[in-house]
Amino acid sequence: MKTKQIVFVLLRIVPAIILLQTLYFKFSAAPESVFIFETLGLEPYGRIGLGVVELITAMLLLVPRTTWIGALLGMGIMAGALFSHITTLGVVVQDDDGTLFIMALITFLCCLALAWTQRDQIPLFKR
C-alpha cells in the first residue's frame, strides 16, 4: 500500500472509531453523556438522535463511495460539539482533562481533510 492510501484509510478509520466508541455512552445514558445533553437542554432526544446520526456518519465514512458525505456530516456534527464546548460546556467536562474536546477536534480535522481530498466527489464542487 502506498503512503497516500494508508493516510486516506487512517483518515476514514480514526473518526469512525471515535464516533462509534461514543455511541455506547449515548445509548446507555451514561451519566457524563446525560450531563452534557442536560446542560445543552437536549436530553434525552438530542442525545439519542445525535447518536443515530453519528452511527450513520461512521458507516458513511467507512464506505469509500460515501466517504465525502460522512466527512461533511462529521464536520457539521463536530463543529456543533466544538461550539458547545467553547460556549457552554467548557473544554474540560466533569474532570475529563479535555478528552471529549480533543476527540471532537481530531474528528473534525480528519473529516475536514477527507472532505478536501474528496472534493471532486461533492456535487457542489464537481466541474
Protein backbone atom coordinates (compact mmCIF):
# COMPACT_ATOMS: atom_id res chain seq x y z
CA MET A 1 0.00 0.00 0.00
CA LYS A 2 1.23 3.46 -0.81
CA THR A 3 1.62 6.08 1.89
CA LYS A 4 -1.18 8.15 0.38
CA GLN A 5 -3.57 5.19 0.55
CA ILE A 6 -2.61 4.43 4.14
CA VAL A 7 -3.23 8.05 5.15
CA PHE A 8 -6.61 8.01 3.39
CA VAL A 9 -7.63 4.82 5.21
CA LEU A 10 -6.49 6.24 8.56
CA LEU A 11 -8.39 9.47 7.91
CA ARG A 12 -11.54 7.35 7.49
CA ILE A 13 -10.96 4.89 10.32
CA VAL A 14 -9.90 7.29 13.10
CA PRO A 15 -13.06 9.45 13.08
CA ALA A 16 -15.28 6.41 12.54
CA ILE A 17 -13.80 4.71 15.62
CA ILE A 18 -14.18 7.86 17.71
CA LEU A 19 -17.80 8.26 16.60
CA LEU A 20 -18.60 4.58 17.20
CA GLN A 21 -16.98 4.36 20.63
CA THR A 22 -19.02 7.30 21.93
CA LEU A 23 -22.27 5.58 20.95
CA TYR A 24 -22.13 3.29 23.98
CA PHE A 25 -22.22 6.31 26.29
CA LYS A 26 -25.04 8.00 24.38
CA PHE A 27 -27.25 4.93 24.02
CA SER A 28 -26.67 3.62 27.55
CA ALA A 29 -27.45 7.02 29.11
CA ALA A 30 -24.07 7.19 30.80
CA PRO A 31 -24.01 9.93 33.46
CA GLU A 32 -21.41 12.02 31.54
CA SER A 33 -23.49 11.94 28.39
CA VAL A 34 -26.71 12.75 30.22
CA PHE A 35 -24.96 15.65 31.98
CA ILE A 36 -23.73 17.10 28.67
CA PHE A 37 -27.10 16.92 26.97
CA GLU A 38 -28.97 18.20 30.05
CA THR A 39 -26.60 21.16 30.15
CA LEU A 40 -27.36 21.82 26.47
CA GLY A 41 -31.11 21.34 27.04
CA LEU A 42 -31.24 18.41 24.63
CA GLU A 43 -31.72 15.42 26.93
CA PRO A 44 -32.86 12.73 26.01
CA TYR A 45 -33.93 13.29 22.39
CA GLY A 46 -30.79 15.17 21.35
CA ARG A 47 -28.55 12.52 22.87
CA ILE A 48 -30.32 9.62 21.17
CA GLY A 49 -30.88 11.47 17.89
CA LEU A 50 -27.27 12.57 17.69
CA GLY A 51 -26.19 9.01 18.45
CA VAL A 52 -28.18 7.75 15.47
CA VAL A 53 -26.71 10.45 13.21
CA GLU A 54 -23.19 9.62 14.44
CA LEU A 55 -23.74 5.93 13.70
CA ILE A 56 -24.84 6.75 10.15
CA THR A 57 -21.90 9.13 9.76
CA ALA A 58 -19.39 6.47 10.86
CA MET A 59 -20.83 3.99 8.36
CA LEU A 60 -20.68 6.58 5.57
CA LEU A 61 -17.05 7.35 6.41
CA LEU A 62 -16.06 3.70 6.10
CA VAL A 63 -17.62 3.16 2.65
CA PRO A 64 -15.29 4.68 0.00
CA ARG A 65 -18.16 5.82 -2.27
CA THR A 66 -19.87 7.72 0.55
CA THR A 67 -16.83 8.99 2.44
CA TRP A 68 -17.44 12.56 1.28
CA ILE A 69 -20.98 12.51 2.71
CA GLY A 70 -19.73 11.15 6.04
CA ALA A 71 -16.95 13.74 6.07
CA LEU A 72 -19.39 16.62 5.59
CA LEU A 73 -21.76 15.23 8.23
CA GLY A 74 -18.85 14.64 10.61
CA MET A 75 -17.63 18.20 10.14
CA GLY A 76 -21.10 19.53 10.92
CA ILE A 77 -21.57 17.35 14.00
CA MET A 78 -18.12 18.13 15.35
CA ALA A 79 -18.46 21.86 14.63
CA GLY A 80 -21.55 21.76 16.84
CA ALA A 81 -19.71 19.79 19.52
CA LEU A 82 -16.73 22.15 19.48
CA PHE A 83 -19.03 25.17 19.58
CA SER A 84 -20.88 23.68 22.57
CA HIS A 85 -17.61 23.05 24.38
CA ILE A 86 -16.33 26.55 23.74
CA THR A 87 -19.55 28.40 24.57
CA THR A 88 -21.39 26.30 27.17
CA LEU A 89 -19.67 23.16 28.43
CA GLY A 90 -16.06 24.26 28.65
CA VAL A 91 -13.07 22.37 27.30
CA VAL A 92 -12.94 20.18 30.42
CA VAL A 93 -16.23 18.43 31.20
CA GLN A 94 -16.58 16.65 34.54
CA ASP A 95 -12.82 16.33 35.08
CA ASP A 96 -12.17 14.59 31.72
CA ASP A 97 -9.00 16.68 31.16
CA GLY A 98 -10.41 17.84 27.83
CA THR A 99 -10.60 14.36 26.32
CA LEU A 100 -14.02 14.88 24.71
CA PHE A 101 -12.93 18.23 23.29
CA ILE A 102 -9.73 16.74 21.86
CA MET A 103 -11.61 13.79 20.32
CA ALA A 104 -14.10 16.20 18.74
CA LEU A 105 -11.22 18.28 17.36
CA ILE A 106 -9.43 15.22 15.95
CA THR A 107 -12.66 14.00 14.35
CA PHE A 108 -13.34 17.45 12.86
CA LEU A 109 -9.82 17.71 11.42
CA CYS A 110 -9.94 14.20 9.94
CA CYS A 111 -13.32 14.92 8.35
CA LEU A 112 -12.04 18.26 7.04
CA ALA A 113 -9.06 16.52 5.43
CA LEU A 114 -11.37 13.85 3.95
CA ALA A 115 -13.75 16.46 2.56
CA TRP A 116 -10.81 18.26 0.99
CA THR A 117 -9.37 15.10 -0.58
CA GLN A 118 -12.82 14.02 -1.75
CA ARG A 119 -13.92 17.46 -3.01
CA ASP A 120 -14.18 16.16 -6.58
CA GLN A 121 -16.94 13.82 -5.40
CA ILE A 122 -19.02 16.58 -3.82
CA PRO A 123 -21.71 17.62 -6.33
CA LEU A 124 -21.41 21.30 -5.41
CA PHE A 125 -17.72 21.26 -6.34
CA LYS A 126 -17.85 18.96 -9.37
CA ARG A 127 -16.60 20.54 -12.55
